[in-house]
């Protein structure tokens, strides 16, 4: 009988814990902060505030990086983000309507590429930009008309609802505003140490390509990026924060500012030695414990 009581007690505790997690996530999603519970979300702040999940902001950062790398006009990045928000809510979907795949729900049967190719956010973003830039007068069109000229959606007016949010995210990721992207991430990364550094470098090269300049650094658990100017520095810094969850980044420093995974926010570096010199952006990953 005593054993049965113990089992029941344990079951009740487990159920309460599960309910606590569910309720905590629901409240977190509503914008209510619960002490001791991280919301695991990102905010972009640039003449407005946009809130995204971790994977959504990582995908947004990749879309922006591909656009910056191709030197597309800033408005193209806003259009791309609005399109992805409507088509997939910035989730890299494995399926959709008919044979639609990925962030932009592009269809292999319509000549966008293979399903495997379209499932790569970089490839999908490149194909979207290529199609958009071929549209005559797209820059003078509304967001919804520019997006529709590429997507040929059955809901042609749906893209406009994302115009404001996509503009905020684009400005933040373009580095128009300093320390404008902040993410609250988990503290148990899947990859640590040199493996995390290698993975981070690979992802950086994939998104930024030949634009990227890496500086030497003595810390084996860190990567240093050389920016051409302050704006480029914030582009890298915001990208690193957006991808912190999937790369094991625990701290990003640029100038006298730093973001930490522990706080989930930007603040002034604690001491001069922790500041990133000149136009260098430094990302530190979690070390091996």
C-alpha atoms as a PDB file:
ATOM      1  CA  UNK A   1       0.000   0.000   0.000  1.00  0.00           C
ATOM      2  CA  UNK A   2       2.842   2.340   0.921  1.00  0.00           C
ATOM      3  CA  UNK A   3       4.540   1.588  -2.401  1.00  0.00           C
ATOM      4  CA  UNK A   4       1.361   2.435  -4.268  1.00  0.00           C
ATOM      5  CA  UNK A   5       1.119   5.771  -2.422  1.00  0.00           C
ATOM      6  CA  UNK A   6       4.679   6.619  -3.416  1.00  0.00           C
ATOM      7  CA  UNK A   7       3.915   5.852  -7.063  1.00  0.00           C
ATOM      8  CA  UNK A   8       0.795   8.044  -6.957  1.00  0.00           C
ATOM      9  CA  UNK A   9       2.748  10.866  -5.317  1.00  0.00           C
ATOM     10  CA  UNK A  10       5.464  10.705  -7.955  1.00  0.00           C
ATOM     11  CA  UNK A  11       2.833  10.711 -10.715  1.00  0.00           C
ATOM     12  CA  UNK A  12       1.159  13.789  -9.233  1.00  0.00           C
ATOM     13  CA  UNK A  13       4.481  15.632  -9.001  1.00  0.00           C
ATOM     14  CA  UNK A  14       5.307  14.759 -12.604  1.00  0.00           C
ATOM     15  CA  UNK A  15       1.874  15.930 -13.769  1.00  0.00           C
ATOM     16  CA  UNK A  16       2.209  19.217 -11.917  1.00  0.00           C
ATOM     17  CA  UNK A  17       5.666  19.745 -13.405  1.00  0.00           C
ATOM     18  CA  UNK A  18       4.297  19.110 -16.893  1.00  0.00           C
ATOM     19  CA  UNK A  19       1.426  21.509 -16.318  1.00  0.00           C
ATOM     20  CA  UNK A  20       3.903  24.104 -15.072  1.00  0.00           C
ATOM     21  CA  UNK A  21       5.930  23.805 -18.259  1.00  0.00           C
ATOM     22  CA  UNK A  22       2.849  24.080 -20.473  1.00  0.00           C
ATOM     23  CA  UNK A  23       1.452  27.059 -18.563  1.00  0.00           C
ATOM     24  CA  UNK A  24       4.878  28.706 -18.497  1.00  0.00           C
ATOM     25  CA  UNK A  25       5.195  28.381 -22.262  1.00  0.00           C
ATOM     26  CA  UNK A  26       1.703  29.745 -22.833  1.00  0.00           C
ATOM     27  CA  UNK A  27       2.339  32.751 -20.599  1.00  0.00           C
ATOM     28  CA  UNK A  28       5.732  33.277 -22.169  1.00  0.00           C
ATOM     29  CA  UNK A  29       4.143  33.303 -25.611  1.00  0.00           C
ATOM     30  CA  UNK A  30       1.675  35.919 -24.419  1.00  0.00           C
ATOM     31  CA  UNK A  31       4.513  38.239 -23.439  1.00  0.00           C
ATOM     32  CA  UNK A  32       4.241  37.587 -19.677  1.00  0.00           C
ATOM     33  CA  UNK A  33       7.649  36.877 -18.140  1.00  0.00           C
ATOM     34  CA  UNK A  34       7.857  34.168 -15.495  1.00  0.00           C
ATOM     35  CA  UNK A  35      10.794  34.416 -13.054  1.00  0.00           C
ATOM     36  CA  UNK A  36      13.222  31.548 -13.611  1.00  0.00           C
ATOM     37  CA  UNK A  37      11.632  30.475 -16.910  1.00  0.00           C
ATOM     38  CA  UNK A  38      13.274  31.525 -20.172  1.00  0.00           C
ATOM     39  CA  UNK A  39      10.885  32.290 -22.997  1.00  0.00           C
ATOM     40  CA  UNK A  40      13.353  31.069 -25.666  1.00  0.00           C
ATOM     41  CA  UNK A  41      12.345  33.705 -28.169  1.00  0.00           C
ATOM     42  CA  UNK A  42      13.925  36.599 -30.043  1.00  0.00           C
ATOM     43  CA  UNK A  43      13.022  40.244 -30.435  1.00  0.00           C
ATOM     44  CA  UNK A  44      13.995  42.681 -33.168  1.00  0.00           C
ATOM     45  CA  UNK A  45      13.757  46.339 -32.223  1.00  0.00           C
ATOM     46  CA  UNK A  46      13.959  49.022 -34.921  1.00  0.00           C
ATOM     47  CA  UNK A  47      11.215  51.677 -34.928  1.00  0.00           C
ATOM     48  CA  UNK A  48       8.953  48.955 -33.581  1.00  0.00           C
ATOM     49  CA  UNK A  49       9.294  45.520 -32.031  1.00  0.00           C
ATOM     50  CA  UNK A  50       8.862  42.114 -33.650  1.00  0.00           C
ATOM     51  CA  UNK A  51       8.942  38.873 -31.672  1.00  0.00           C
ATOM     52  CA  UNK A  52       9.917  35.542 -33.232  1.00  0.00           C
ATOM     53  CA  UNK A  53      10.773  32.036 -32.101  1.00  0.00           C
ATOM     54  CA  UNK A  54      14.412  30.958 -32.164  1.00  0.00           C
ATOM     55  CA  UNK A  55      14.209  29.022 -35.429  1.00  0.00           C
ATOM     56  CA  UNK A  56      12.185  31.817 -37.025  1.00  0.00           C
ATOM     57  CA  UNK A  57      14.828  34.442 -36.218  1.00  0.00           C
ATOM     58  CA  UNK A  58      17.625  32.130 -37.361  1.00  0.00           C
ATOM     59  CA  UNK A  59      15.847  31.662 -40.698  1.00  0.00           C
ATOM     60  CA  UNK A  60      15.205  35.403 -40.963  1.00  0.00           C
ATOM     61  CA  UNK A  61      18.906  36.069 -40.342  1.00  0.00           C
ATOM     62  CA  UNK A  62      19.877  33.644 -43.097  1.00  0.00           C
ATOM     63  CA  UNK A  63      17.427  35.253 -45.544  1.00  0.00           C
ATOM     64  CA  UNK A  64      18.895  38.678 -44.701  1.00  0.00           C
ATOM     65  CA  UNK A  65      22.502  37.455 -44.949  1.00  0.00           C
ATOM     66  CA  UNK A  66      21.897  35.945 -48.391  1.00  0.00           C
ATOM     67  CA  UNK A  67      20.415  39.260 -49.505  1.00  0.00           C
ATOM     68  CA  UNK A  68      23.284  41.311 -48.065  1.00  0.00           C
ATOM     69  CA  UNK A  69      25.779  38.944 -49.680  1.00  0.00           C
ATOM     70  CA  UNK A  70      24.074  39.471 -53.059  1.00  0.00           C
ATOM     71  CA  UNK A  71      23.944  43.231 -52.452  1.00  0.00           C
ATOM     72  CA  UNK A  72      20.196  43.383 -53.065  1.00  0.00           C
ATOM     73  CA  UNK A  73      18.305  46.572 -52.126  1.00  0.00           C
ATOM     74  CA  UNK A  74      17.107  46.612 -48.505  1.00  0.00           C
ATOM     75  CA  UNK A  75      13.483  46.560 -49.670  1.00  0.00           C
ATOM     76  CA  UNK A  76      14.103  43.183 -51.321  1.00  0.00           C
ATOM     77  CA  UNK A  77      14.966  41.758 -47.904  1.00  0.00           C
ATOM     78  CA  UNK A  78      11.767  43.218 -46.449  1.00  0.00           C
ATOM     79  CA  UNK A  79       9.732  41.650 -49.276  1.00  0.00           C
ATOM     80  CA  UNK A  80      11.490  38.300 -48.788  1.00  0.00           C
ATOM     81  CA  UNK A  81      10.790  38.295 -45.047  1.00  0.00           C
ATOM     82  CA  UNK A  82       7.130  39.254 -45.534  1.00  0.00           C
ATOM     83  CA  UNK A  83       6.767  36.451 -48.077  1.00  0.00           C
ATOM     84  CA  UNK A  84       8.334  33.853 -45.794  1.00  0.00           C
ATOM     85  CA  UNK A  85       6.211  35.034 -42.866  1.00  0.00           C
ATOM     86  CA  UNK A  86       3.054  34.500 -44.909  1.00  0.00           C
ATOM     87  CA  UNK A  87       4.075  31.250 -46.589  1.00  0.00           C
ATOM     88  CA  UNK A  88       5.659  29.392 -43.662  1.00  0.00           C
ATOM     89  CA  UNK A  89       5.704  31.735 -40.633  1.00  0.00           C
ATOM     90  CA  UNK A  90       9.494  31.553 -41.151  1.00  0.00           C
ATOM     91  CA  UNK A  91       9.600  27.830 -40.366  1.00  0.00           C
ATOM     92  CA  UNK A  92      11.474  25.627 -42.830  1.00  0.00           C
ATOM     93  CA  UNK A  93       8.534  23.334 -43.599  1.00  0.00           C
ATOM     94  CA  UNK A  94       9.033  19.864 -45.054  1.00  0.00           C
ATOM     95  CA  UNK A  95       5.726  20.064 -46.938  1.00  0.00           C
ATOM     96  CA  UNK A  96       2.690  22.186 -47.668  1.00  0.00           C
ATOM     97  CA  UNK A  97       0.046  22.735 -50.321  1.00  0.00           C
ATOM     98  CA  UNK A  98       0.558  20.129 -53.058  1.00  0.00           C
ATOM     99  CA  UNK A  99       4.353  19.822 -53.478  1.00  0.00           C
ATOM    100  CA  UNK A 100       5.297  23.093 -51.734  1.00  0.00           C
ATOM    101  CA  UNK A 101       8.431  22.979 -49.587  1.00  0.00           C
ATOM    102  CA  UNK A 102      10.497  25.251 -47.356  1.00  0.00           C
ATOM    103  CA  UNK A 103      10.454  28.846 -46.159  1.00  0.00           C
ATOM    104  CA  UNK A 104       8.850  30.262 -49.298  1.00  0.00           C
ATOM    105  CA  UNK A 105       6.753  27.166 -50.069  1.00  0.00           C
ATOM    106  CA  UNK A 106       8.369  26.894 -53.493  1.00  0.00           C
ATOM    107  CA  UNK A 107       7.261  23.984 -55.678  1.00  0.00           C
ATOM    108  CA  UNK A 108       9.587  21.570 -57.518  1.00  0.00           C
ATOM    109  CA  UNK A 109       6.876  21.066 -60.146  1.00  0.00           C
ATOM    110  CA  UNK A 110       7.005  24.793 -60.924  1.00  0.00           C
ATOM    111  CA  UNK A 111      10.726  24.812 -61.616  1.00  0.00           C
ATOM    112  CA  UNK A 112      12.030  26.126 -58.292  1.00  0.00           C
ATOM    113  CA  UNK A 113      14.424  23.184 -57.852  1.00  0.00           C
ATOM    114  CA  UNK A 114      14.346  19.807 -56.192  1.00  0.00           C
ATOM    115  CA  UNK A 115      12.674  19.347 -52.819  1.00  0.00           C
ATOM    116  CA  UNK A 116      16.105  18.868 -51.254  1.00  0.00           C
ATOM    117  CA  UNK A 117      17.396  22.099 -52.754  1.00  0.00           C
ATOM    118  CA  UNK A 118      14.344  24.120 -51.750  1.00  0.00           C
ATOM    119  CA  UNK A 119      14.627  22.768 -48.188  1.00  0.00           C
ATOM    120  CA  UNK A 120      17.952  24.619 -47.890  1.00  0.00           C
ATOM    121  CA  UNK A 121      17.089  28.150 -46.628  1.00  0.00           C
ATOM    122  CA  UNK A 122      20.065  29.643 -48.482  1.00  0.00           C
ATOM    123  CA  UNK A 123      19.063  28.120 -51.795  1.00  0.00           C
ATOM    124  CA  UNK A 124      15.419  29.100 -51.293  1.00  0.00           C
ATOM    125  CA  UNK A 125      16.360  32.697 -50.481  1.00  0.00           C
ATOM    126  CA  UNK A 126      18.677  32.947 -53.489  1.00  0.00           C
ATOM    127  CA  UNK A 127      15.945  31.691 -55.826  1.00  0.00           C
ATOM    128  CA  UNK A 128      13.419  34.121 -54.350  1.00  0.00           C
ATOM    129  CA  UNK A 129      15.725  37.112 -54.780  1.00  0.00           C
ATOM    130  CA  UNK A 130      16.603  36.069 -58.342  1.00  0.00           C
ATOM    131  CA  UNK A 131      12.912  35.923 -59.259  1.00  0.00           C
ATOM    132  CA  UNK A 132      12.055  39.202 -57.501  1.00  0.00           C
ATOM    133  CA  UNK A 133      14.862  41.174 -59.133  1.00  0.00           C
ATOM    134  CA  UNK A 134      13.575  40.135 -62.576  1.00  0.00           C
ATOM    135  CA  UNK A 135      10.179  41.779 -61.953  1.00  0.00           C
ATOM    136  CA  UNK A 136       9.972  45.161 -63.653  1.00  0.00           C
ATOM    137  CA  UNK A 137       9.230  47.956 -61.192  1.00  0.00           C
ATOM    138  CA  UNK A 138       9.124  45.751 -58.103  1.00  0.00           C
ATOM    139  CA  UNK A 139      10.755  48.432 -55.930  1.00  0.00           C
ATOM    140  CA  UNK A 140       7.831  50.819 -56.450  1.00  0.00           C
ATOM    141  CA  UNK A 141       5.232  48.128 -55.739  1.00  0.00           C
ATOM    142  CA  UNK A 142       3.536  47.492 -52.422  1.00  0.00           C
ATOM    143  CA  UNK A 143       4.904  44.603 -50.383  1.00  0.00           C
ATOM    144  CA  UNK A 144       1.964  42.412 -51.321  1.00  0.00           C
ATOM    145  CA  UNK A 145       2.218  43.175 -55.060  1.00  0.00           C
ATOM    146  CA  UNK A 146       5.967  42.578 -55.122  1.00  0.00           C
ATOM    147  CA  UNK A 147       5.603  39.286 -53.276  1.00  0.00           C
ATOM    148  CA  UNK A 148       2.641  38.184 -55.386  1.00  0.00           C
ATOM    149  CA  UNK A 149       4.547  38.890 -58.594  1.00  0.00           C
ATOM    150  CA  UNK A 150       6.923  36.110 -57.532  1.00  0.00           C
ATOM    151  CA  UNK A 151       4.676  33.726 -55.625  1.00  0.00           C
ATOM    152  CA  UNK A 152       1.470  33.738 -57.710  1.00  0.00           C
ATOM    153  CA  UNK A 153      -0.496  32.923 -54.590  1.00  0.00           C
ATOM    154  CA  UNK A 154      -4.201  32.119 -54.405  1.00  0.00           C
ATOM    155  CA  UNK A 155      -4.316  34.739 -51.612  1.00  0.00           C
ATOM    156  CA  UNK A 156      -2.646  37.711 -53.335  1.00  0.00           C
ATOM    157  CA  UNK A 157      -3.412  40.275 -50.624  1.00  0.00           C
ATOM    158  CA  UNK A 158      -2.142  38.226 -47.674  1.00  0.00           C
ATOM    159  CA  UNK A 159       1.452  39.421 -47.755  1.00  0.00           C
ATOM    160  CA  UNK A 160       0.678  43.017 -46.812  1.00  0.00           C
ATOM    161  CA  UNK A 161      -0.263  42.055 -43.244  1.00  0.00           C
ATOM    162  CA  UNK A 162       3.430  41.283 -42.619  1.00  0.00           C
ATOM    163  CA  UNK A 163       4.776  44.537 -44.065  1.00  0.00           C
ATOM    164  CA  UNK A 164       5.337  46.273 -40.724  1.00  0.00           C
ATOM    165  CA  UNK A 165       6.846  43.290 -38.928  1.00  0.00           C
ATOM    166  CA  UNK A 166       9.116  42.397 -41.834  1.00  0.00           C
ATOM    167  CA  UNK A 167      10.366  46.003 -42.055  1.00  0.00           C
ATOM    168  CA  UNK A 168      11.332  45.949 -38.363  1.00  0.00           C
ATOM    169  CA  UNK A 169      13.159  42.622 -38.701  1.00  0.00           C
ATOM    170  CA  UNK A 170      14.899  43.728 -41.898  1.00  0.00           C
ATOM    171  CA  UNK A 171      16.186  46.978 -40.385  1.00  0.00           C
ATOM    172  CA  UNK A 172      17.506  45.129 -37.350  1.00  0.00           C
ATOM    173  CA  UNK A 173      19.263  42.419 -39.362  1.00  0.00           C
ATOM    174  CA  UNK A 174      20.648  44.988 -41.813  1.00  0.00           C
ATOM    175  CA  UNK A 175      22.453  46.649 -38.910  1.00  0.00           C
ATOM    176  CA  UNK A 176      20.566  49.933 -39.215  1.00  0.00           C
ATOM    177  CA  UNK A 177      20.098  49.898 -35.434  1.00  0.00           C
ATOM    178  CA  UNK A 178      22.692  48.732 -32.892  1.00  0.00           C
ATOM    179  CA  UNK A 179      22.044  45.827 -30.479  1.00  0.00           C
ATOM    180  CA  UNK A 180      18.612  45.424 -32.086  1.00  0.00           C
ATOM    181  CA  UNK A 181      18.352  41.615 -32.074  1.00  0.00           C
ATOM    182  CA  UNK A 182      18.239  39.829 -28.732  1.00  0.00           C
ATOM    183  CA  UNK A 183      17.418  36.174 -28.098  1.00  0.00           C
ATOM    184  CA  UNK A 184      16.697  34.209 -24.953  1.00  0.00           C
ATOM    185  CA  UNK A 185      18.194  30.779 -25.552  1.00  0.00           C
ATOM    186  CA  UNK A 186      18.624  27.557 -23.624  1.00  0.00           C
ATOM    187  CA  UNK A 187      21.796  26.906 -21.616  1.00  0.00           C
ATOM    188  CA  UNK A 188      22.331  23.299 -22.746  1.00  0.00           C
ATOM    189  CA  UNK A 189      23.803  23.499 -26.268  1.00  0.00           C
ATOM    190  CA  UNK A 190      24.096  20.292 -28.259  1.00  0.00           C
ATOM    191  CA  UNK A 191      27.597  21.219 -29.445  1.00  0.00           C
ATOM    192  CA  UNK A 192      30.440  22.719 -27.436  1.00  0.00           C
ATOM    193  CA  UNK A 193      34.095  23.638 -27.741  1.00  0.00           C
ATOM    194  CA  UNK A 194      36.008  23.239 -30.990  1.00  0.00           C
ATOM    195  CA  UNK A 195      33.175  21.235 -32.584  1.00  0.00           C
ATOM    196  CA  UNK A 196      30.853  24.177 -31.994  1.00  0.00           C
ATOM    197  CA  UNK A 197      33.439  26.572 -33.447  1.00  0.00           C
ATOM    198  CA  UNK A 198      33.802  24.393 -36.552  1.00  0.00           C
ATOM    199  CA  UNK A 199      30.026  24.204 -36.995  1.00  0.00           C
ATOM    200  CA  UNK A 200      29.688  27.964 -36.494  1.00  0.00           C
ATOM    201  CA  UNK A 201      32.404  28.714 -39.053  1.00  0.00           C
ATOM    202  CA  UNK A 202      30.735  26.407 -41.572  1.00  0.00           C
ATOM    203  CA  UNK A 203      27.351  28.087 -41.122  1.00  0.00           C
ATOM    204  CA  UNK A 204      28.927  31.544 -41.370  1.00  0.00           C
ATOM    205  CA  UNK A 205      30.659  30.661 -44.631  1.00  0.00           C
ATOM    206  CA  UNK A 206      27.448  29.183 -46.010  1.00  0.00           C
ATOM    207  CA  UNK A 207      25.385  32.296 -45.289  1.00  0.00           C
ATOM    208  CA  UNK A 208      27.980  35.010 -45.935  1.00  0.00           C
ATOM    209  CA  UNK A 209      30.379  33.428 -48.464  1.00  0.00           C
ATOM    210  CA  UNK A 210      33.252  35.545 -49.750  1.00  0.00           C
ATOM    211  CA  UNK A 211      31.927  38.618 -47.922  1.00  0.00           C
ATOM    212  CA  UNK A 212      33.133  37.066 -44.671  1.00  0.00           C
ATOM    213  CA  UNK A 213      36.557  37.959 -43.262  1.00  0.00           C
ATOM    214  CA  UNK A 214      37.749  35.936 -40.275  1.00  0.00           C
ATOM    215  CA  UNK A 215      40.477  37.239 -37.968  1.00  0.00           C
ATOM    216  CA  UNK A 216      42.888  35.088 -35.977  1.00  0.00           C
ATOM    217  CA  UNK A 217      42.139  34.763 -32.275  1.00  0.00           C
ATOM    218  CA  UNK A 218      43.936  32.934 -29.477  1.00  0.00           C
ATOM    219  CA  UNK A 219      40.789  31.629 -27.791  1.00  0.00           C
ATOM    220  CA  UNK A 220      40.010  28.163 -29.254  1.00  0.00           C
ATOM    221  CA  UNK A 221      36.362  28.588 -28.244  1.00  0.00           C
ATOM    222  CA  UNK A 222      35.838  31.828 -30.140  1.00  0.00           C
ATOM    223  CA  UNK A 223      35.477  33.194 -33.664  1.00  0.00           C
ATOM    224  CA  UNK A 224      36.467  36.741 -34.660  1.00  0.00           C
ATOM    225  CA  UNK A 225      34.898  38.445 -37.689  1.00  0.00           C
ATOM    226  CA  UNK A 226      36.260  41.611 -39.310  1.00  0.00           C
ATOM    227  CA  UNK A 227      33.569  44.112 -40.305  1.00  0.00           C
ATOM    228  CA  UNK A 228      34.099  46.824 -42.909  1.00  0.00           C
ATOM    229  CA  UNK A 229      32.192  49.357 -40.818  1.00  0.00           C
ATOM    230  CA  UNK A 230      29.855  49.715 -37.858  1.00  0.00           C
ATOM    231  CA  UNK A 231      26.772  48.686 -39.841  1.00  0.00           C
ATOM    232  CA  UNK A 232      28.418  45.505 -41.094  1.00  0.00           C
ATOM    233  CA  UNK A 233      29.545  44.775 -37.549  1.00  0.00           C
ATOM    234  CA  UNK A 234      25.967  44.825 -36.315  1.00  0.00           C
ATOM    235  CA  UNK A 235      24.888  42.670 -39.238  1.00  0.00           C
ATOM    236  CA  UNK A 236      27.331  39.986 -38.074  1.00  0.00           C
ATOM    237  CA  UNK A 237      26.535  40.503 -34.392  1.00  0.00           C
ATOM    238  CA  UNK A 238      22.796  40.202 -34.925  1.00  0.00           C
ATOM    239  CA  UNK A 239      23.250  37.142 -37.150  1.00  0.00           C
ATOM    240  CA  UNK A 240      25.338  35.474 -34.441  1.00  0.00           C
ATOM    241  CA  UNK A 241      22.709  36.135 -31.771  1.00  0.00           C
ATOM    242  CA  UNK A 242      19.957  34.873 -34.088  1.00  0.00           C
ATOM    243  CA  UNK A 243      21.888  31.616 -34.612  1.00  0.00           C
ATOM    244  CA  UNK A 244      23.122  31.277 -31.016  1.00  0.00           C
ATOM    245  CA  UNK A 245      20.770  28.432 -30.132  1.00  0.00           C
ATOM    246  CA  UNK A 246      21.831  26.173 -33.000  1.00  0.00           C
ATOM    247  CA  UNK A 247      25.556  26.977 -32.803  1.00  0.00           C
ATOM    248  CA  UNK A 248      26.253  26.976 -29.061  1.00  0.00           C
ATOM    249  CA  UNK A 249      27.175  30.685 -28.917  1.00  0.00           C
ATOM    250  CA  UNK A 250      27.243  31.956 -25.349  1.00  0.00           C
ATOM    251  CA  UNK A 251      28.497  35.516 -25.876  1.00  0.00           C
ATOM    252  CA  UNK A 252      28.705  38.009 -28.737  1.00  0.00           C
ATOM    253  CA  UNK A 253      30.799  41.169 -28.446  1.00  0.00           C
ATOM    254  CA  UNK A 254      31.029  44.192 -30.708  1.00  0.00           C
ATOM    255  CA  UNK A 255      32.644  47.405 -29.593  1.00  0.00           C
ATOM    256  CA  UNK A 256      31.739  48.013 -25.972  1.00  0.00           C
ATOM    257  CA  UNK A 257      28.490  46.026 -26.195  1.00  0.00           C
ATOM    258  CA  UNK A 258      27.913  42.359 -25.498  1.00  0.00           C
ATOM    259  CA  UNK A 259      25.053  39.885 -25.616  1.00  0.00           C
ATOM    260  CA  UNK A 260      25.135  36.822 -23.377  1.00  0.00           C
ATOM    261  CA  UNK A 261      23.081  33.661 -23.476  1.00  0.00           C
ATOM    262  CA  UNK A 262      22.746  33.873 -19.703  1.00  0.00           C
ATOM    263  CA  UNK A 263      20.972  37.239 -19.773  1.00  0.00           C
ATOM    264  CA  UNK A 264      19.463  37.064 -23.249  1.00  0.00           C
ATOM    265  CA  UNK A 265      20.045  40.809 -23.602  1.00  0.00           C
ATOM    266  CA  UNK A 266      22.635  43.319 -24.756  1.00  0.00           C
ATOM    267  CA  UNK A 267      24.559  45.417 -22.272  1.00  0.00           C
ATOM    268  CA  UNK A 268      27.836  47.202 -21.796  1.00  0.00           C
ATOM    269  CA  UNK A 269      30.841  44.892 -21.502  1.00  0.00           C
ATOM    270  CA  UNK A 270      31.980  44.573 -17.896  1.00  0.00           C
ATOM    271  CA  UNK A 271      35.617  45.495 -18.467  1.00  0.00           C
ATOM    272  CA  UNK A 272      37.735  46.988 -21.277  1.00  0.00           C
ATOM    273  CA  UNK A 273      39.403  43.657 -22.000  1.00  0.00           C
ATOM    274  CA  UNK A 274      36.070  42.066 -22.849  1.00  0.00           C
ATOM    275  CA  UNK A 275      35.352  44.651 -25.552  1.00  0.00           C
ATOM    276  CA  UNK A 276      35.864  43.689 -29.181  1.00  0.00           C
ATOM    277  CA  UNK A 277      38.670  45.801 -30.707  1.00  0.00           C
ATOM    278  CA  UNK A 278      37.882  48.122 -33.623  1.00  0.00           C
ATOM    279  CA  UNK A 279      35.520  46.662 -36.191  1.00  0.00           C
ATOM    280  CA  UNK A 280      35.867  43.111 -34.893  1.00  0.00           C
ATOM    281  CA  UNK A 281      32.907  40.994 -33.820  1.00  0.00           C
ATOM    282  CA  UNK A 282      33.729  38.158 -31.436  1.00  0.00           C
ATOM    283  CA  UNK A 283      31.524  35.142 -30.773  1.00  0.00           C
ATOM    284  CA  UNK A 284      32.350  32.792 -27.912  1.00  0.00           C
ATOM    285  CA  UNK A 285      30.852  29.302 -27.745  1.00  0.00           C
ATOM    286  CA  UNK A 286      30.267  27.149 -24.693  1.00  0.00           C
ATOM    287  CA  UNK A 287      33.403  25.252 -23.718  1.00  0.00           C
ATOM    288  CA  UNK A 288      33.647  21.579 -22.866  1.00  0.00           C
ATOM    289  CA  UNK A 289      32.528  20.950 -19.292  1.00  0.00           C
END
